[in-house]
Amino acid sequence: MTESGSGDTVESQLSDILERARGDVAAPAAVAASHPRRDALDLEMREIKDDILRMGSYVEEAIRAALAALVAHDADAATAVIVADGRINEMQREVSGLITRTIATQSPVARDLRFLLSLDHVGYELERMGDHAGSVAKQVRKLAPEPPLKKYVDLPAMGELAATLVGGILRALVDVDVEAARSIAARDDEIDDLYHRPGSSSRRTTWSGSATG
């Protein structure tokens, strides 16, 4: 992406967030023209980062719970994952709202603004991960009556690795640890290897009865 294209993207994100903020925040001209205290901005950014970490922990929990339900063919556990996805969705809305208000009231610039926009995007991605865990759980409810014809091997390993990477990359993000982020991102290849392994249970599992038809 060119520097111009990147700038257009940031400007578009910012315009969208400020547009949403108009219905939530009354910002008098005197406030907009003032320079907010740095400690107030730092406090709100810390709250947002803590919320992102908490949301990430919910996603980790959902991934692990969905795979555990699959291995056990536990319809009740799968239902619990689906219900818990609502908590992730609600938290994403809260985080996005807090970011919107912070941008509107604290007038962050440069690095702080880019960081807040990044956290807003991360929140949406975490919400999507929660949705995927919920989708796995929905499949579990369909498959629960049917016994698996072989043990799962790769799927639980993929789920555990994915959950671990979620927690690690979020910690690297809030700590602004570039080296840790690169190291964690490189481990995505491990998930790819599990997925593409010949005979992988992640791509083809044989089921008995109606589950095969």
N, C-alpha and C. Protein backbone atom coordinates (compact mmCIF):
# COMPACT_ATOMS: atom_id res chain seq x y z
N MET A 1 0.85 -1.20 0.00
CA MET A 1 0.00 0.00 0.00
C MET A 1 0.88 1.24 0.00
N THR A 2 0.52 2.22 -0.81
CA THR A 2 1.30 3.46 -0.87
C THR A 2 1.02 4.29 0.35
N GLU A 3 1.92 5.27 0.60
CA GLU A 3 1.73 6.15 1.74
C GLU A 3 0.43 6.92 1.61
N SER A 4 0.09 7.32 0.37
CA SER A 4 -1.16 8.04 0.14
C SER A 4 -2.35 7.15 0.45
N GLY A 5 -2.29 5.86 0.01
CA GLY A 5 -3.39 4.95 0.26
C GLY A 5 -3.58 4.70 1.73
N SER A 6 -2.45 4.57 2.47
CA SER A 6 -2.54 4.36 3.91
C SER A 6 -3.18 5.55 4.58
N GLY A 7 -2.81 6.75 4.14
CA GLY A 7 -3.38 7.96 4.73
C GLY A 7 -4.87 8.04 4.49
N ASP A 8 -5.29 7.64 3.27
CA ASP A 8 -6.71 7.66 2.96
C ASP A 8 -7.48 6.69 3.84
N THR A 9 -6.87 5.53 4.13
CA THR A 9 -7.53 4.54 4.98
C THR A 9 -7.71 5.07 6.39
N VAL A 10 -6.66 5.65 6.96
CA VAL A 10 -6.74 6.21 8.31
C VAL A 10 -7.77 7.32 8.36
N GLU A 11 -7.77 8.18 7.33
CA GLU A 11 -8.72 9.28 7.30
C GLU A 11 -10.15 8.75 7.24
N SER A 12 -10.35 7.69 6.48
CA SER A 12 -11.68 7.10 6.36
C SER A 12 -12.13 6.52 7.69
N GLN A 13 -11.21 5.80 8.38
CA GLN A 13 -11.54 5.23 9.69
C GLN A 13 -11.89 6.33 10.68
N LEU A 14 -11.09 7.37 10.68
CA LEU A 14 -11.31 8.47 11.61
C LEU A 14 -12.64 9.15 11.33
N SER A 15 -12.97 9.37 10.07
CA SER A 15 -14.22 10.02 9.72
C SER A 15 -15.40 9.18 10.19
N ASP A 16 -15.28 7.87 10.03
CA ASP A 16 -16.36 6.97 10.46
C ASP A 16 -16.56 7.03 11.97
N ILE A 17 -15.46 7.01 12.72
CA ILE A 17 -15.55 7.04 14.18
C ILE A 17 -16.12 8.36 14.66
N LEU A 18 -15.66 9.46 14.07
CA LEU A 18 -16.17 10.77 14.49
C LEU A 18 -17.64 10.93 14.15
N GLU A 19 -18.06 10.34 13.04
CA GLU A 19 -19.47 10.40 12.67
C GLU A 19 -20.31 9.68 13.71
N ARG A 20 -19.82 8.51 14.16
CA ARG A 20 -20.54 7.78 15.20
C ARG A 20 -20.55 8.55 16.51
N ALA A 21 -19.50 9.31 16.74
CA ALA A 21 -19.38 10.02 18.01
C ALA A 21 -20.39 11.15 18.14
N ARG A 22 -20.87 11.67 17.05
CA ARG A 22 -21.76 12.83 17.10
C ARG A 22 -23.05 12.54 17.87
N GLY A 23 -23.48 11.31 17.80
CA GLY A 23 -24.70 10.97 18.52
C GLY A 23 -24.47 10.65 19.98
N ASP A 24 -23.19 10.47 20.36
CA ASP A 24 -22.88 10.06 21.73
C ASP A 24 -22.24 11.15 22.57
N VAL A 25 -21.56 12.08 21.93
CA VAL A 25 -20.76 13.05 22.68
C VAL A 25 -21.09 14.46 22.25
N ALA A 26 -21.36 15.32 23.20
CA ALA A 26 -21.53 16.75 22.92
C ALA A 26 -20.19 17.40 23.19
N ALA A 27 -19.55 17.90 22.14
CA ALA A 27 -18.22 18.48 22.29
C ALA A 27 -18.27 19.96 21.97
N PRO A 28 -18.41 20.81 22.96
CA PRO A 28 -18.44 22.25 22.74
C PRO A 28 -17.15 22.72 22.09
N ALA A 29 -17.26 23.82 21.38
CA ALA A 29 -16.09 24.35 20.69
C ALA A 29 -14.96 24.66 21.65
N ALA A 30 -15.30 25.12 22.84
CA ALA A 30 -14.25 25.46 23.81
C ALA A 30 -13.47 24.22 24.20
N VAL A 31 -14.16 23.06 24.34
CA VAL A 31 -13.48 21.83 24.71
C VAL A 31 -12.63 21.34 23.55
N ALA A 32 -13.20 21.41 22.35
CA ALA A 32 -12.48 20.94 21.18
C ALA A 32 -11.21 21.74 20.96
N ALA A 33 -11.25 23.02 21.32
CA ALA A 33 -10.09 23.87 21.10
C ALA A 33 -9.04 23.75 22.18
N SER A 34 -9.41 23.15 23.31
CA SER A 34 -8.47 23.05 24.43
C SER A 34 -7.54 21.85 24.24
N HIS A 35 -6.49 21.78 25.05
CA HIS A 35 -5.56 20.66 25.03
C HIS A 35 -5.82 19.81 26.27
N PRO A 36 -6.44 18.62 26.10
CA PRO A 36 -6.77 17.79 27.26
C PRO A 36 -5.52 17.35 27.99
N ARG A 37 -5.67 17.11 29.26
CA ARG A 37 -4.55 16.66 30.07
C ARG A 37 -4.08 15.29 29.60
N ARG A 38 -2.77 15.13 29.52
CA ARG A 38 -2.20 13.88 29.04
C ARG A 38 -2.60 12.72 29.94
N ASP A 39 -2.69 12.95 31.23
CA ASP A 39 -3.01 11.84 32.12
C ASP A 39 -4.43 11.33 31.89
N ALA A 40 -5.34 12.19 31.47
CA ALA A 40 -6.71 11.76 31.19
C ALA A 40 -6.72 10.84 29.96
N LEU A 41 -5.97 11.20 28.94
CA LEU A 41 -5.88 10.37 27.75
C LEU A 41 -5.22 9.04 28.08
N ASP A 42 -4.15 9.09 28.85
CA ASP A 42 -3.45 7.86 29.23
C ASP A 42 -4.39 6.92 30.00
N LEU A 43 -5.20 7.50 30.88
CA LEU A 43 -6.12 6.70 31.68
C LEU A 43 -7.13 5.99 30.79
N GLU A 44 -7.69 6.72 29.83
CA GLU A 44 -8.69 6.11 28.95
C GLU A 44 -8.06 5.08 28.03
N MET A 45 -6.85 5.34 27.57
CA MET A 45 -6.18 4.36 26.72
C MET A 45 -5.86 3.09 27.49
N ARG A 46 -5.49 3.23 28.75
CA ARG A 46 -5.23 2.06 29.59
C ARG A 46 -6.51 1.25 29.77
N GLU A 47 -7.62 1.93 29.96
CA GLU A 47 -8.90 1.23 30.11
C GLU A 47 -9.25 0.46 28.84
N ILE A 48 -9.02 1.09 27.70
CA ILE A 48 -9.31 0.43 26.42
C ILE A 48 -8.41 -0.79 26.23
N LYS A 49 -7.13 -0.64 26.54
CA LYS A 49 -6.21 -1.78 26.39
C LYS A 49 -6.59 -2.91 27.32
N ASP A 50 -6.98 -2.59 28.55
CA ASP A 50 -7.41 -3.63 29.49
C ASP A 50 -8.65 -4.34 28.97
N ASP A 51 -9.57 -3.59 28.38
CA ASP A 51 -10.79 -4.19 27.83
C ASP A 51 -10.47 -5.11 26.65
N ILE A 52 -9.53 -4.69 25.82
CA ILE A 52 -9.13 -5.53 24.69
C ILE A 52 -8.52 -6.84 25.19
N LEU A 53 -7.68 -6.75 26.22
CA LEU A 53 -7.09 -7.96 26.80
C LEU A 53 -8.17 -8.86 27.39
N ARG A 54 -9.14 -8.26 28.07
CA ARG A 54 -10.23 -9.04 28.66
C ARG A 54 -11.06 -9.71 27.56
N MET A 55 -11.33 -8.95 26.51
CA MET A 55 -12.08 -9.50 25.38
C MET A 55 -11.30 -10.66 24.75
N GLY A 56 -10.00 -10.49 24.63
CA GLY A 56 -9.16 -11.56 24.09
C GLY A 56 -9.21 -12.81 24.95
N SER A 57 -9.25 -12.64 26.26
CA SER A 57 -9.33 -13.80 27.15
C SER A 57 -10.66 -14.53 26.95
N TYR A 58 -11.73 -13.79 26.68
CA TYR A 58 -13.03 -14.42 26.40
C TYR A 58 -12.95 -15.22 25.10
N VAL A 59 -12.25 -14.68 24.11
CA VAL A 59 -12.12 -15.37 22.83
C VAL A 59 -11.28 -16.64 23.01
N GLU A 60 -10.18 -16.55 23.76
CA GLU A 60 -9.39 -17.74 24.05
C GLU A 60 -10.25 -18.82 24.70
N GLU A 61 -11.04 -18.40 25.67
CA GLU A 61 -11.92 -19.32 26.38
C GLU A 61 -12.93 -19.96 25.43
N ALA A 62 -13.47 -19.16 24.51
CA ALA A 62 -14.46 -19.67 23.56
C ALA A 62 -13.85 -20.69 22.61
N ILE A 63 -12.63 -20.42 22.13
CA ILE A 63 -11.96 -21.35 21.22
C ILE A 63 -11.74 -22.69 21.92
N ARG A 64 -11.20 -22.64 23.12
CA ARG A 64 -10.91 -23.87 23.86
C ARG A 64 -12.20 -24.63 24.18
N ALA A 65 -13.23 -23.90 24.59
CA ALA A 65 -14.49 -24.53 24.96
C ALA A 65 -15.17 -25.17 23.75
N ALA A 66 -15.10 -24.51 22.61
CA ALA A 66 -15.72 -25.06 21.40
C ALA A 66 -15.04 -26.35 20.98
N LEU A 67 -13.71 -26.38 21.03
CA LEU A 67 -12.99 -27.59 20.65
C LEU A 67 -13.20 -28.71 21.66
N ALA A 68 -13.27 -28.35 22.95
CA ALA A 68 -13.53 -29.36 23.97
C ALA A 68 -14.92 -29.97 23.77
N ALA A 69 -15.89 -29.14 23.41
CA ALA A 69 -17.24 -29.64 23.15
C ALA A 69 -17.25 -30.56 21.94
N LEU A 70 -16.44 -30.22 20.92
CA LEU A 70 -16.36 -31.06 19.73
C LEU A 70 -15.79 -32.43 20.06
N VAL A 71 -14.68 -32.45 20.78
CA VAL A 71 -14.03 -33.71 21.13
C VAL A 71 -14.98 -34.60 21.94
N ALA A 72 -15.73 -33.97 22.85
CA ALA A 72 -16.63 -34.72 23.73
C ALA A 72 -18.01 -34.95 23.11
N HIS A 73 -18.27 -34.31 21.96
CA HIS A 73 -19.62 -34.35 21.38
C HIS A 73 -20.65 -33.93 22.42
N ASP A 74 -20.36 -32.84 23.07
CA ASP A 74 -21.19 -32.34 24.18
C ASP A 74 -22.06 -31.19 23.69
N ALA A 75 -23.34 -31.46 23.44
CA ALA A 75 -24.24 -30.44 22.92
C ALA A 75 -24.48 -29.32 23.93
N ASP A 76 -24.54 -29.68 25.22
CA ASP A 76 -24.78 -28.65 26.24
C ASP A 76 -23.59 -27.68 26.33
N ALA A 77 -22.38 -28.23 26.27
CA ALA A 77 -21.19 -27.37 26.31
C ALA A 77 -21.14 -26.48 25.07
N ALA A 78 -21.56 -27.03 23.93
CA ALA A 78 -21.60 -26.24 22.71
C ALA A 78 -22.59 -25.09 22.83
N THR A 79 -23.73 -25.36 23.43
CA THR A 79 -24.74 -24.31 23.62
C THR A 79 -24.19 -23.20 24.51
N ALA A 80 -23.43 -23.57 25.52
CA ALA A 80 -22.83 -22.57 26.41
C ALA A 80 -21.87 -21.66 25.64
N VAL A 81 -21.14 -22.20 24.68
CA VAL A 81 -20.23 -21.39 23.86
C VAL A 81 -21.03 -20.39 23.02
N ILE A 82 -22.13 -20.86 22.46
CA ILE A 82 -22.96 -19.99 21.62
C ILE A 82 -23.54 -18.85 22.45
N VAL A 83 -24.02 -19.17 23.64
CA VAL A 83 -24.58 -18.14 24.52
C VAL A 83 -23.50 -17.14 24.93
N ALA A 84 -22.31 -17.64 25.25
CA ALA A 84 -21.22 -16.78 25.71
C ALA A 84 -20.73 -15.84 24.62
N ASP A 85 -20.99 -16.18 23.36
CA ASP A 85 -20.58 -15.31 22.26
C ASP A 85 -21.26 -13.95 22.37
N GLY A 86 -22.44 -13.91 22.97
CA GLY A 86 -23.12 -12.63 23.16
C GLY A 86 -22.32 -11.69 24.04
N ARG A 87 -21.60 -12.24 25.02
CA ARG A 87 -20.75 -11.42 25.89
C ARG A 87 -19.62 -10.79 25.09
N ILE A 88 -19.04 -11.54 24.16
CA ILE A 88 -17.97 -11.00 23.32
C ILE A 88 -18.51 -9.90 22.42
N ASN A 89 -19.68 -10.13 21.84
CA ASN A 89 -20.28 -9.12 20.97
C ASN A 89 -20.56 -7.83 21.73
N GLU A 90 -21.09 -7.96 22.94
CA GLU A 90 -21.42 -6.78 23.74
C GLU A 90 -20.15 -6.03 24.13
N MET A 91 -19.10 -6.76 24.46
CA MET A 91 -17.86 -6.11 24.85
C MET A 91 -17.24 -5.37 23.67
N GLN A 92 -17.36 -5.94 22.47
CA GLN A 92 -16.83 -5.25 21.30
C GLN A 92 -17.54 -3.92 21.09
N ARG A 93 -18.85 -3.91 21.29
CA ARG A 93 -19.60 -2.65 21.15
C ARG A 93 -19.16 -1.64 22.21
N GLU A 94 -18.93 -2.11 23.42
CA GLU A 94 -18.50 -1.21 24.49
C GLU A 94 -17.11 -0.63 24.20
N VAL A 95 -16.20 -1.48 23.75
CA VAL A 95 -14.84 -1.02 23.44
C VAL A 95 -14.87 0.00 22.31
N SER A 96 -15.64 -0.31 21.27
CA SER A 96 -15.73 0.61 20.13
C SER A 96 -16.31 1.95 20.57
N GLY A 97 -17.32 1.90 21.45
CA GLY A 97 -17.91 3.14 21.95
C GLY A 97 -16.93 3.95 22.77
N LEU A 98 -16.13 3.27 23.59
CA LEU A 98 -15.13 3.97 24.41
C LEU A 98 -14.06 4.61 23.53
N ILE A 99 -13.64 3.90 22.49
CA ILE A 99 -12.66 4.47 21.57
C ILE A 99 -13.24 5.70 20.88
N THR A 100 -14.48 5.61 20.47
CA THR A 100 -15.15 6.73 19.82
C THR A 100 -15.17 7.96 20.73
N ARG A 101 -15.56 7.74 21.97
CA ARG A 101 -15.64 8.87 22.92
C ARG A 101 -14.25 9.44 23.22
N THR A 102 -13.26 8.56 23.32
CA THR A 102 -11.90 9.04 23.60
C THR A 102 -11.38 9.92 22.48
N ILE A 103 -11.60 9.50 21.24
CA ILE A 103 -11.16 10.30 20.10
C ILE A 103 -11.89 11.63 20.06
N ALA A 104 -13.19 11.60 20.36
CA ALA A 104 -13.99 12.81 20.29
C ALA A 104 -13.69 13.80 21.41
N THR A 105 -13.37 13.29 22.58
CA THR A 105 -13.20 14.18 23.74
C THR A 105 -11.76 14.48 24.10
N GLN A 106 -10.83 13.59 23.75
CA GLN A 106 -9.44 13.78 24.14
C GLN A 106 -8.55 14.27 22.99
N SER A 107 -9.10 14.28 21.78
CA SER A 107 -8.37 14.77 20.61
C SER A 107 -6.96 14.20 20.48
N PRO A 108 -6.82 12.87 20.49
CA PRO A 108 -5.48 12.29 20.33
C PRO A 108 -4.96 12.55 18.92
N VAL A 109 -3.66 12.62 18.80
CA VAL A 109 -3.04 12.87 17.49
C VAL A 109 -1.92 11.86 17.27
N ALA A 110 -1.47 11.80 16.01
CA ALA A 110 -0.31 11.02 15.62
C ALA A 110 -0.36 9.59 16.15
N ARG A 111 0.63 9.21 16.93
CA ARG A 111 0.77 7.82 17.38
C ARG A 111 -0.43 7.37 18.20
N ASP A 112 -0.92 8.20 19.10
CA ASP A 112 -2.06 7.81 19.94
C ASP A 112 -3.30 7.55 19.10
N LEU A 113 -3.54 8.39 18.11
CA LEU A 113 -4.70 8.22 17.25
C LEU A 113 -4.58 6.93 16.44
N ARG A 114 -3.42 6.67 15.88
CA ARG A 114 -3.22 5.45 15.10
C ARG A 114 -3.40 4.23 15.99
N PHE A 115 -2.92 4.30 17.21
CA PHE A 115 -3.03 3.17 18.13
C PHE A 115 -4.50 2.90 18.47
N LEU A 116 -5.26 3.95 18.71
CA LEU A 116 -6.68 3.78 19.02
C LEU A 116 -7.43 3.18 17.83
N LEU A 117 -7.12 3.64 16.62
CA LEU A 117 -7.75 3.09 15.44
C LEU A 117 -7.39 1.61 15.27
N SER A 118 -6.16 1.26 15.60
CA SER A 118 -5.73 -0.14 15.54
C SER A 118 -6.50 -0.98 16.55
N LEU A 119 -6.67 -0.47 17.76
CA LEU A 119 -7.41 -1.21 18.78
C LEU A 119 -8.86 -1.40 18.38
N ASP A 120 -9.44 -0.40 17.72
CA ASP A 120 -10.81 -0.52 17.25
C ASP A 120 -10.91 -1.67 16.24
N HIS A 121 -9.94 -1.75 15.35
CA HIS A 121 -9.93 -2.82 14.35
C HIS A 121 -9.72 -4.18 15.02
N VAL A 122 -8.84 -4.23 16.02
CA VAL A 122 -8.59 -5.47 16.75
C VAL A 122 -9.87 -5.96 17.43
N GLY A 123 -10.63 -5.02 17.98
CA GLY A 123 -11.89 -5.38 18.63
C GLY A 123 -12.84 -6.07 17.66
N TYR A 124 -12.93 -5.55 16.44
CA TYR A 124 -13.78 -6.18 15.43
C TYR A 124 -13.27 -7.58 15.07
N GLU A 125 -11.96 -7.72 14.96
CA GLU A 125 -11.39 -9.03 14.62
C GLU A 125 -11.64 -10.04 15.74
N LEU A 126 -11.53 -9.61 16.98
CA LEU A 126 -11.80 -10.51 18.10
C LEU A 126 -13.27 -10.93 18.10
N GLU A 127 -14.14 -10.00 17.78
CA GLU A 127 -15.57 -10.34 17.72
C GLU A 127 -15.82 -11.40 16.66
N ARG A 128 -15.11 -11.30 15.53
CA ARG A 128 -15.26 -12.29 14.46
C ARG A 128 -14.73 -13.65 14.91
N MET A 129 -13.63 -13.66 15.67
CA MET A 129 -13.11 -14.92 16.19
C MET A 129 -14.13 -15.59 17.11
N GLY A 130 -14.79 -14.77 17.93
CA GLY A 130 -15.83 -15.30 18.79
C GLY A 130 -16.96 -15.90 17.97
N ASP A 131 -17.30 -15.24 16.87
CA ASP A 131 -18.34 -15.77 15.97
C ASP A 131 -17.92 -17.12 15.39
N HIS A 132 -16.65 -17.24 15.03
CA HIS A 132 -16.17 -18.51 14.47
C HIS A 132 -16.24 -19.62 15.52
N ALA A 133 -15.89 -19.30 16.75
CA ALA A 133 -16.00 -20.30 17.82
C ALA A 133 -17.46 -20.71 17.98
N GLY A 134 -18.36 -19.73 17.89
CA GLY A 134 -19.78 -20.04 17.96
C GLY A 134 -20.23 -20.92 16.80
N SER A 135 -19.67 -20.70 15.62
CA SER A 135 -20.01 -21.53 14.46
C SER A 135 -19.56 -22.97 14.66
N VAL A 136 -18.37 -23.14 15.24
CA VAL A 136 -17.91 -24.49 15.56
C VAL A 136 -18.88 -25.15 16.53
N ALA A 137 -19.30 -24.40 17.53
CA ALA A 137 -20.23 -24.93 18.53
C ALA A 137 -21.56 -25.33 17.89
N LYS A 138 -22.01 -24.58 16.92
CA LYS A 138 -23.26 -24.93 16.23
C LYS A 138 -23.13 -26.25 15.48
N GLN A 139 -21.96 -26.47 14.88
CA GLN A 139 -21.73 -27.74 14.20
C GLN A 139 -21.67 -28.89 15.21
N VAL A 140 -21.11 -28.61 16.38
CA VAL A 140 -21.04 -29.64 17.42
C VAL A 140 -22.44 -30.10 17.80
N ARG A 141 -23.38 -29.18 17.91
CA ARG A 141 -24.75 -29.55 18.28
C ARG A 141 -25.37 -30.47 17.22
N LYS A 142 -24.99 -30.27 15.96
CA LYS A 142 -25.51 -31.14 14.91
C LYS A 142 -24.87 -32.52 14.97
N LEU A 143 -23.57 -32.55 15.31
CA LEU A 143 -22.83 -33.80 15.30
C LEU A 143 -22.92 -34.58 16.61
N ALA A 144 -23.37 -33.92 17.67
CA ALA A 144 -23.36 -34.53 19.00
C ALA A 144 -24.02 -35.91 19.08
N PRO A 145 -25.14 -36.13 18.39
CA PRO A 145 -25.76 -37.47 18.50
C PRO A 145 -24.95 -38.59 17.86
N GLU A 146 -23.99 -38.23 17.01
CA GLU A 146 -23.22 -39.24 16.28
C GLU A 146 -21.83 -39.42 16.88
N PRO A 147 -21.43 -40.66 17.14
CA PRO A 147 -20.08 -40.89 17.68
C PRO A 147 -19.03 -40.73 16.58
N PRO A 148 -17.90 -40.12 16.87
CA PRO A 148 -16.84 -40.02 15.88
C PRO A 148 -16.22 -41.39 15.64
N LEU A 149 -15.77 -41.64 14.42
CA LEU A 149 -15.18 -42.94 14.11
C LEU A 149 -13.67 -42.96 14.34
N LYS A 150 -13.10 -41.81 14.67
CA LYS A 150 -11.68 -41.80 15.02
C LYS A 150 -11.44 -40.65 15.97
N LYS A 151 -10.32 -40.72 16.67
CA LYS A 151 -10.00 -39.67 17.62
C LYS A 151 -9.58 -38.40 16.89
N TYR A 152 -9.96 -37.28 17.47
CA TYR A 152 -9.48 -36.02 16.93
C TYR A 152 -8.03 -35.83 17.38
N VAL A 153 -7.20 -35.36 16.48
CA VAL A 153 -5.80 -35.12 16.81
C VAL A 153 -5.43 -33.68 16.48
N ASP A 154 -5.59 -33.32 15.22
CA ASP A 154 -5.13 -32.01 14.77
C ASP A 154 -6.04 -30.87 15.22
N LEU A 155 -7.36 -31.10 15.24
CA LEU A 155 -8.27 -30.01 15.60
C LEU A 155 -8.02 -29.47 17.00
N PRO A 156 -7.94 -30.31 18.02
CA PRO A 156 -7.63 -29.77 19.35
C PRO A 156 -6.29 -29.05 19.41
N ALA A 157 -5.31 -29.59 18.70
CA ALA A 157 -3.98 -28.95 18.68
C ALA A 157 -4.05 -27.59 18.00
N MET A 158 -4.80 -27.50 16.91
CA MET A 158 -4.96 -26.22 16.22
C MET A 158 -5.69 -25.22 17.11
N GLY A 159 -6.73 -25.67 17.79
CA GLY A 159 -7.50 -24.77 18.65
C GLY A 159 -6.67 -24.24 19.80
N GLU A 160 -5.90 -25.12 20.43
CA GLU A 160 -5.07 -24.69 21.55
C GLU A 160 -4.00 -23.70 21.09
N LEU A 161 -3.40 -23.98 19.95
CA LEU A 161 -2.37 -23.07 19.43
C LEU A 161 -2.99 -21.73 19.07
N ALA A 162 -4.16 -21.75 18.43
CA ALA A 162 -4.82 -20.49 18.06
C ALA A 162 -5.15 -19.67 19.30
N ALA A 163 -5.66 -20.32 20.33
CA ALA A 163 -5.99 -19.60 21.56
C ALA A 163 -4.74 -19.00 22.20
N THR A 164 -3.65 -19.76 22.18
CA THR A 164 -2.40 -19.27 22.74
C THR A 164 -1.89 -18.06 21.97
N LEU A 165 -1.99 -18.11 20.65
CA LEU A 165 -1.51 -17.00 19.82
C LEU A 165 -2.36 -15.75 20.03
N VAL A 166 -3.66 -15.92 20.24
CA VAL A 166 -4.52 -14.76 20.49
C VAL A 166 -4.03 -14.01 21.73
N GLY A 167 -3.82 -14.75 22.81
CA GLY A 167 -3.36 -14.10 24.04
C GLY A 167 -1.99 -13.46 23.87
N GLY A 168 -1.09 -14.15 23.19
CA GLY A 168 0.26 -13.63 23.03
C GLY A 168 0.32 -12.38 22.16
N ILE A 169 -0.43 -12.38 21.06
CA ILE A 169 -0.35 -11.23 20.17
C ILE A 169 -1.02 -10.01 20.78
N LEU A 170 -2.05 -10.22 21.58
CA LEU A 170 -2.70 -9.07 22.23
C LEU A 170 -1.78 -8.45 23.28
N ARG A 171 -1.07 -9.29 24.00
CA ARG A 171 -0.12 -8.77 24.99
C ARG A 171 0.99 -8.00 24.28
N ALA A 172 1.47 -8.52 23.16
CA ALA A 172 2.49 -7.80 22.39
C ALA A 172 1.95 -6.47 21.89
N LEU A 173 0.67 -6.45 21.50
CA LEU A 173 0.05 -5.22 21.00
C LEU A 173 0.00 -4.14 22.07
N VAL A 174 -0.55 -4.47 23.22
CA VAL A 174 -0.70 -3.43 24.25
C VAL A 174 0.64 -3.02 24.83
N ASP A 175 1.63 -3.91 24.78
CA ASP A 175 2.97 -3.58 25.26
C ASP A 175 3.81 -2.92 24.16
N VAL A 176 3.27 -2.86 22.94
CA VAL A 176 3.98 -2.33 21.77
C VAL A 176 5.34 -3.03 21.65
N ASP A 177 5.29 -4.36 21.70
CA ASP A 177 6.49 -5.18 21.62
C ASP A 177 6.58 -5.77 20.21
N VAL A 178 7.34 -5.11 19.35
CA VAL A 178 7.41 -5.50 17.95
C VAL A 178 8.05 -6.88 17.78
N GLU A 179 9.10 -7.15 18.50
CA GLU A 179 9.79 -8.44 18.36
C GLU A 179 8.89 -9.59 18.79
N ALA A 180 8.16 -9.41 19.89
CA ALA A 180 7.24 -10.45 20.34
C ALA A 180 6.15 -10.68 19.31
N ALA A 181 5.65 -9.59 18.74
CA ALA A 181 4.59 -9.70 17.72
C ALA A 181 5.08 -10.49 16.52
N ARG A 182 6.30 -10.22 16.06
CA ARG A 182 6.84 -10.94 14.92
C ARG A 182 7.02 -12.42 15.23
N SER A 183 7.49 -12.71 16.43
CA SER A 183 7.71 -14.09 16.83
C SER A 183 6.39 -14.86 16.88
N ILE A 184 5.36 -14.22 17.42
CA ILE A 184 4.06 -14.88 17.53
C ILE A 184 3.42 -15.05 16.16
N ALA A 185 3.53 -14.02 15.32
CA ALA A 185 2.94 -14.09 13.98
C ALA A 185 3.56 -15.22 13.16
N ALA A 186 4.85 -15.47 13.37
CA ALA A 186 5.54 -16.51 12.62
C ALA A 186 4.98 -17.89 12.96
N ARG A 187 4.37 -18.03 14.14
CA ARG A 187 3.84 -19.34 14.54
C ARG A 187 2.54 -19.68 13.82
N ASP A 188 2.01 -18.74 13.06
CA ASP A 188 0.82 -19.05 12.26
C ASP A 188 1.11 -20.18 11.28
N ASP A 189 2.36 -20.32 10.89
CA ASP A 189 2.74 -21.40 9.98
C ASP A 189 2.48 -22.77 10.63
N GLU A 190 2.57 -22.83 11.94
CA GLU A 190 2.31 -24.10 12.63
C GLU A 190 0.85 -24.51 12.46
N ILE A 191 -0.05 -23.53 12.51
CA ILE A 191 -1.47 -23.82 12.29
C ILE A 191 -1.68 -24.28 10.84
N ASP A 192 -1.02 -23.59 9.90
CA ASP A 192 -1.13 -23.98 8.49
C ASP A 192 -0.65 -25.42 8.29
N ASP A 193 0.46 -25.77 8.95
CA ASP A 193 1.01 -27.12 8.80
C ASP A 193 0.03 -28.17 9.32
N LEU A 194 -0.61 -27.89 10.44
CA LEU A 194 -1.59 -28.83 10.99
C LEU A 194 -2.78 -28.98 10.06
N TYR A 195 -3.20 -27.86 9.47
CA TYR A 195 -4.35 -27.89 8.59
C TYR A 195 -4.07 -28.68 7.32
N HIS A 196 -2.87 -28.52 6.78
CA HIS A 196 -2.52 -29.15 5.50
C HIS A 196 -1.88 -30.52 5.66
N ARG A 197 -1.73 -30.99 6.88
CA ARG A 197 -1.13 -32.30 7.09
C ARG A 197 -1.98 -33.38 6.42
N PRO A 198 -1.37 -34.30 5.69
CA PRO A 198 -2.14 -35.36 5.03
C PRO A 198 -3.01 -36.12 6.04
N GLY A 199 -4.27 -36.30 5.69
CA GLY A 199 -5.18 -37.02 6.58
C GLY A 199 -5.59 -36.25 7.80
N SER A 200 -5.34 -34.94 7.80
CA SER A 200 -5.63 -34.11 8.97
C SER A 200 -7.11 -34.18 9.33
N SER A 201 -7.38 -34.30 10.63
CA SER A 201 -8.78 -34.32 11.10
C SER A 201 -9.40 -32.95 10.98
N SER A 202 -8.58 -31.92 10.71
CA SER A 202 -9.12 -30.57 10.55
C SER A 202 -9.80 -30.40 9.20
N ARG A 203 -9.44 -31.24 8.24
CA ARG A 203 -10.02 -31.11 6.90
C ARG A 203 -10.96 -32.24 6.54
N ARG A 204 -10.75 -33.42 7.15
CA ARG A 204 -11.62 -34.54 6.78
C ARG A 204 -11.77 -35.48 7.96
N THR A 205 -12.97 -35.59 8.46
CA THR A 205 -13.26 -36.50 9.53
C THR A 205 -14.43 -37.38 9.10
N THR A 206 -14.33 -38.68 9.29
CA THR A 206 -15.38 -39.59 8.88
C THR A 206 -16.36 -39.79 10.02
N TRP A 207 -17.64 -39.62 9.73
CA TRP A 207 -18.68 -39.76 10.75
C TRP A 207 -19.61 -40.91 10.38
N SER A 208 -20.20 -41.50 11.38
CA SER A 208 -21.13 -42.59 11.14
C SER A 208 -22.53 -42.05 10.95
N GLY A 209 -23.39 -42.90 10.42
CA GLY A 209 -24.81 -42.57 10.35
C GLY A 209 -25.09 -41.36 9.50
N SER A 210 -26.09 -40.57 9.92
CA SER A 210 -26.55 -39.43 9.15
C SER A 210 -25.52 -38.33 9.05
N ALA A 211 -24.53 -38.29 9.92
CA ALA A 211 -23.52 -37.25 9.89
C ALA A 211 -22.68 -37.35 8.63
N THR A 212 -22.63 -38.51 7.98
CA THR A 212 -21.86 -38.64 6.75
C THR A 212 -22.71 -38.37 5.54
N GLY A 213 -23.97 -38.33 5.70
CA GLY A 213 -24.81 -38.15 4.54
C GLY A 213 -25.45 -36.83 4.49
